Amino acid sequence: MFGVLLPVMDKPLVDYEVYVDDARYLVPSFYLISANTAERALKLAEQLWRSSPHHRGIEVRQDNARIAVMGTLADVQSVPRVVG
């Protein structure tokens, strides 16, 4: 048999917004993570945060609701949102 068999996911993928406070930029960088659980999304976000010494903090959101914040962004009420 050719190819790779992938496990069937129990839950559908959900998109999570991740804002990263990066010392090289004046505004947070935006990333989109898709995961089948919030726990998995947070693990991926933490890996992203720790992937560069320039990353100082992260905020994770789902459906515009803040679900986690780590590092420097913990002191911020919320990342500014652009509407329109």
C-alpha atoms as a PDB file:
ATOM      1  CA  MET A   1       0.000   0.000   0.000  1.00  0.00           C
ATOM      2  CA  PHE A   2       1.326   3.427  -0.905  1.00  0.00           C
ATOM      3  CA  GLY A   3       1.013   6.637   1.045  1.00  0.00           C
ATOM      4  CA  VAL A   4       0.616   7.421   4.690  1.00  0.00           C
ATOM      5  CA  LEU A   5      -2.403   6.655   6.829  1.00  0.00           C
ATOM      6  CA  LEU A   6      -3.413   9.604   8.972  1.00  0.00           C
ATOM      7  CA  PRO A   7      -5.348   9.190  12.203  1.00  0.00           C
ATOM      8  CA  VAL A   8      -8.963  10.295  12.114  1.00  0.00           C
ATOM      9  CA  MET A   9      -9.490  13.400  14.231  1.00  0.00           C
ATOM     10  CA  ASP A  10     -12.206  13.213  16.842  1.00  0.00           C
ATOM     11  CA  LYS A  11     -12.880  16.949  16.707  1.00  0.00           C
ATOM     12  CA  PRO A  12     -12.899  19.409  13.790  1.00  0.00           C
ATOM     13  CA  LEU A  13     -10.123  21.963  13.438  1.00  0.00           C
ATOM     14  CA  VAL A  14     -10.777  25.379  14.959  1.00  0.00           C
ATOM     15  CA  ASP A  15      -8.866  28.569  14.132  1.00  0.00           C
ATOM     16  CA  TYR A  16      -7.054  30.440  16.904  1.00  0.00           C
ATOM     17  CA  GLU A  17      -5.593  33.930  16.525  1.00  0.00           C
ATOM     18  CA  VAL A  18      -2.131  34.401  18.012  1.00  0.00           C
ATOM     19  CA  TYR A  19      -0.533  37.806  18.556  1.00  0.00           C
ATOM     20  CA  VAL A  20       3.209  37.761  19.243  1.00  0.00           C
ATOM     21  CA  ASP A  21       5.052  40.642  20.913  1.00  0.00           C
ATOM     22  CA  ASP A  22       8.295  40.690  18.907  1.00  0.00           C
ATOM     23  CA  ALA A  23      11.117  43.014  19.973  1.00  0.00           C
ATOM     24  CA  ARG A  24      11.899  43.802  16.313  1.00  0.00           C
ATOM     25  CA  TYR A  25       8.504  45.368  15.581  1.00  0.00           C
ATOM     26  CA  LEU A  26       6.325  48.127  17.037  1.00  0.00           C
ATOM     27  CA  VAL A  27       3.075  46.151  16.771  1.00  0.00           C
ATOM     28  CA  PRO A  28       2.352  42.500  17.580  1.00  0.00           C
ATOM     29  CA  SER A  29       2.748  39.973  14.759  1.00  0.00           C
ATOM     30  CA  PHE A  30      -0.396  38.024  13.826  1.00  0.00           C
ATOM     31  CA  TYR A  31      -0.491  34.257  13.296  1.00  0.00           C
ATOM     32  CA  LEU A  32      -3.367  31.888  12.690  1.00  0.00           C
ATOM     33  CA  ILE A  33      -3.211  28.418  14.247  1.00  0.00           C
ATOM     34  CA  SER A  34      -5.653  25.611  13.482  1.00  0.00           C
ATOM     35  CA  ALA A  35      -6.029  22.901  16.098  1.00  0.00           C
ATOM     36  CA  ASN A  36      -8.654  20.396  17.188  1.00  0.00           C
ATOM     37  CA  THR A  37      -8.448  21.352  20.898  1.00  0.00           C
ATOM     38  CA  ALA A  38      -7.652  24.512  22.817  1.00  0.00           C
ATOM     39  CA  GLU A  39      -4.932  22.599  24.666  1.00  0.00           C
ATOM     40  CA  ARG A  40      -3.215  21.746  21.363  1.00  0.00           C
ATOM     41  CA  ALA A  41      -3.546  25.359  20.166  1.00  0.00           C
ATOM     42  CA  LEU A  42      -1.910  26.610  23.366  1.00  0.00           C
ATOM     43  CA  LYS A  43       0.971  24.158  22.975  1.00  0.00           C
ATOM     44  CA  LEU A  44       1.523  25.333  19.393  1.00  0.00           C
ATOM     45  CA  ALA A  45       1.319  28.977  20.471  1.00  0.00           C
ATOM     46  CA  GLU A  46       3.863  28.393  23.227  1.00  0.00           C
ATOM     47  CA  GLN A  47       6.199  26.711  20.723  1.00  0.00           C
ATOM     48  CA  LEU A  48       5.818  29.762  18.483  1.00  0.00           C
ATOM     49  CA  TRP A  49       6.559  32.081  21.412  1.00  0.00           C
ATOM     50  CA  ARG A  50       9.697  30.179  22.351  1.00  0.00           C
ATOM     51  CA  SER A  51      10.898  29.787  18.739  1.00  0.00           C
ATOM     52  CA  SER A  52      12.754  33.122  18.752  1.00  0.00           C
ATOM     53  CA  PRO A  53      14.639  35.077  21.401  1.00  0.00           C
ATOM     54  CA  HIS A  54      12.915  38.173  19.980  1.00  0.00           C
ATOM     55  CA  HIS A  55       9.461  36.942  21.039  1.00  0.00           C
ATOM     56  CA  ARG A  56       8.547  38.511  24.372  1.00  0.00           C
ATOM     57  CA  GLY A  57       4.945  37.398  24.812  1.00  0.00           C
ATOM     58  CA  ILE A  58       1.796  36.044  23.149  1.00  0.00           C
ATOM     59  CA  GLU A  59      -1.962  36.406  23.289  1.00  0.00           C
ATOM     60  CA  VAL A  60      -4.216  33.604  22.030  1.00  0.00           C
ATOM     61  CA  ARG A  61      -7.834  34.239  20.994  1.00  0.00           C
ATOM     62  CA  GLN A  62     -10.689  32.131  19.704  1.00  0.00           C
ATOM     63  CA  ASP A  63     -13.703  33.842  18.137  1.00  0.00           C
ATOM     64  CA  ASN A  64     -12.402  37.194  19.414  1.00  0.00           C
ATOM     65  CA  ALA A  65     -12.323  35.943  23.024  1.00  0.00           C
ATOM     66  CA  ARG A  66      -8.993  36.001  24.841  1.00  0.00           C
ATOM     67  CA  ILE A  67      -8.231  32.469  26.041  1.00  0.00           C
ATOM     68  CA  ALA A  68      -4.567  32.767  27.056  1.00  0.00           C
ATOM     69  CA  VAL A  69      -1.808  35.291  27.463  1.00  0.00           C
ATOM     70  CA  MET A  70       1.857  34.764  28.312  1.00  0.00           C
ATOM     71  CA  GLY A  71       4.870  36.989  28.796  1.00  0.00           C
ATOM     72  CA  THR A  72       4.786  40.718  28.130  1.00  0.00           C
ATOM     73  CA  LEU A  73       1.260  40.735  26.702  1.00  0.00           C
ATOM     74  CA  ALA A  74      -0.084  39.640  30.105  1.00  0.00           C
ATOM     75  CA  ASP A  75       0.259  43.261  31.214  1.00  0.00           C
ATOM     76  CA  VAL A  76      -1.787  44.560  28.260  1.00  0.00           C
ATOM     77  CA  GLN A  77      -5.585  44.839  28.494  1.00  0.00           C
ATOM     78  CA  SER A  78      -5.953  43.523  24.945  1.00  0.00           C
ATOM     79  CA  VAL A  79      -4.231  43.708  21.586  1.00  0.00           C
ATOM     80  CA  PRO A  80      -5.727  46.592  19.542  1.00  0.00           C
ATOM     81  CA  ARG A  81      -8.220  45.345  16.951  1.00  0.00           C
ATOM     82  CA  VAL A  82      -8.657  46.788  13.472  1.00  0.00           C
ATOM     83  CA  VAL A  83     -12.277  46.895  12.354  1.00  0.00           C
ATOM     84  CA  GLY A  84     -13.428  47.366   8.777  1.00  0.00           C
END
